[in-house]
Amino acid sequence: MKEEEKKEYFQEMNRKMKFIGSGLELDPNMIHEEDTLREHFKLMLNASIGKFAQNVRPTTTKFIQTQV
């Protein structure tokens, strides 16, 4: 993405979210990649989604012996 496109994108997002003049404006110079942090949160998110997807009532099998 070119610098011009980045500036236009951030201006559009600031306008849509009504951040202009609020002190919360998004700035393309403040955005940087942190691969380690990204991987950490991705792992946490995937683990929690997997935990919620687990079956809460697993089936149980019982072996009963009867006398003949």
C-alpha atoms as a PDB file:
ATOM      1  CA  MET A   1       0.000   0.000   0.000  1.00  0.00           C
ATOM      2  CA  LYS A   2       1.419   3.362  -0.985  1.00  0.00           C
ATOM      3  CA  GLU A   3       1.813   6.259   1.443  1.00  0.00           C
ATOM      4  CA  GLU A   4      -0.882   8.253  -0.355  1.00  0.00           C
ATOM      5  CA  GLU A   5      -3.323   5.338  -0.108  1.00  0.00           C
ATOM      6  CA  LYS A   6      -2.503   4.881   3.600  1.00  0.00           C
ATOM      7  CA  LYS A   7      -3.217   8.540   4.346  1.00  0.00           C
ATOM      8  CA  GLU A   8      -6.524   8.398   2.461  1.00  0.00           C
ATOM      9  CA  TYR A   9      -7.510   5.186   4.253  1.00  0.00           C
ATOM     10  CA  PHE A  10      -6.757   6.613   7.705  1.00  0.00           C
ATOM     11  CA  GLN A  11      -8.574   9.844   6.904  1.00  0.00           C
ATOM     12  CA  GLU A  12     -11.612   7.835   5.790  1.00  0.00           C
ATOM     13  CA  MET A  13     -11.538   5.687   8.952  1.00  0.00           C
ATOM     14  CA  ASN A  14     -11.188   8.766  11.174  1.00  0.00           C
ATOM     15  CA  ARG A  15     -14.143  10.344   9.400  1.00  0.00           C
ATOM     16  CA  LYS A  16     -16.324   7.210   9.635  1.00  0.00           C
ATOM     17  CA  MET A  17     -15.549   6.658  13.312  1.00  0.00           C
ATOM     18  CA  LYS A  18     -15.917  10.375  14.055  1.00  0.00           C
ATOM     19  CA  PHE A  19     -12.437  10.568  15.568  1.00  0.00           C
ATOM     20  CA  ILE A  20     -11.571  13.918  13.957  1.00  0.00           C
ATOM     21  CA  GLY A  21     -10.979  16.513  16.665  1.00  0.00           C
ATOM     22  CA  SER A  22     -11.475  14.024  19.516  1.00  0.00           C
ATOM     23  CA  GLY A  23      -7.812  13.255  20.156  1.00  0.00           C
ATOM     24  CA  LEU A  24      -8.305   9.605  19.157  1.00  0.00           C
ATOM     25  CA  GLU A  25      -7.379  10.059  15.513  1.00  0.00           C
ATOM     26  CA  LEU A  26      -5.611   7.169  13.814  1.00  0.00           C
ATOM     27  CA  ASP A  27      -2.180   8.075  12.478  1.00  0.00           C
ATOM     28  CA  PRO A  28      -0.340   5.899   9.916  1.00  0.00           C
ATOM     29  CA  ASN A  29       3.019   6.815  11.490  1.00  0.00           C
ATOM     30  CA  MET A  30       1.993   5.220  14.797  1.00  0.00           C
ATOM     31  CA  ILE A  31       1.177   1.842  13.242  1.00  0.00           C
ATOM     32  CA  HIS A  32       3.950  -0.774  13.238  1.00  0.00           C
ATOM     33  CA  GLU A  33       4.093  -4.544  13.109  1.00  0.00           C
ATOM     34  CA  GLU A  34       4.903  -6.623  16.149  1.00  0.00           C
ATOM     35  CA  ASP A  35       5.083 -10.212  14.968  1.00  0.00           C
ATOM     36  CA  THR A  36       5.678 -11.715  18.403  1.00  0.00           C
ATOM     37  CA  LEU A  37       2.718  -9.967  19.996  1.00  0.00           C
ATOM     38  CA  ARG A  38       0.528 -10.801  17.002  1.00  0.00           C
ATOM     39  CA  GLU A  39       1.377 -14.497  17.221  1.00  0.00           C
ATOM     40  CA  HIS A  40       0.783 -14.519  20.980  1.00  0.00           C
ATOM     41  CA  PHE A  41      -2.712 -13.054  20.680  1.00  0.00           C
ATOM     42  CA  LYS A  42      -3.536 -15.229  17.678  1.00  0.00           C
ATOM     43  CA  LEU A  43      -2.655 -18.323  19.702  1.00  0.00           C
ATOM     44  CA  MET A  44      -4.739 -17.126  22.655  1.00  0.00           C
ATOM     45  CA  LEU A  45      -7.716 -16.384  20.410  1.00  0.00           C
ATOM     46  CA  ASN A  46      -7.544 -19.736  18.640  1.00  0.00           C
ATOM     47  CA  ALA A  47      -7.193 -21.584  21.941  1.00  0.00           C
ATOM     48  CA  SER A  48     -10.213 -19.848  23.447  1.00  0.00           C
ATOM     49  CA  ILE A  49     -12.332 -20.464  20.359  1.00  0.00           C
ATOM     50  CA  GLY A  50     -11.321 -24.120  20.473  1.00  0.00           C
ATOM     51  CA  LYS A  51     -12.231 -24.294  24.154  1.00  0.00           C
ATOM     52  CA  PHE A  52     -15.701 -22.870  23.510  1.00  0.00           C
ATOM     53  CA  ALA A  53     -16.205 -25.324  20.660  1.00  0.00           C
ATOM     54  CA  GLN A  54     -15.619 -28.333  22.902  1.00  0.00           C
ATOM     55  CA  ASN A  55     -18.489 -30.640  23.746  1.00  0.00           C
ATOM     56  CA  VAL A  56     -19.581 -29.814  27.274  1.00  0.00           C
ATOM     57  CA  ARG A  57     -21.386 -33.139  27.754  1.00  0.00           C
ATOM     58  CA  PRO A  58     -19.094 -35.882  26.543  1.00  0.00           C
ATOM     59  CA  THR A  59     -20.610 -39.336  26.150  1.00  0.00           C
ATOM     60  CA  THR A  60     -19.620 -41.911  28.723  1.00  0.00           C
ATOM     61  CA  THR A  61     -19.500 -45.647  28.328  1.00  0.00           C
ATOM     62  CA  LYS A  62     -20.069 -48.030  31.211  1.00  0.00           C
ATOM     63  CA  PHE A  63     -19.309 -51.737  31.156  1.00  0.00           C
ATOM     64  CA  ILE A  64     -21.696 -53.813  33.248  1.00  0.00           C
ATOM     65  CA  GLN A  65     -21.105 -57.427  34.062  1.00  0.00           C
ATOM     66  CA  THR A  66     -24.093 -59.656  34.650  1.00  0.00           C
ATOM     67  CA  GLN A  67     -24.120 -63.107  36.126  1.00  0.00           C
ATOM     68  CA  VAL A  68     -25.454 -65.835  33.881  1.00  0.00           C
END
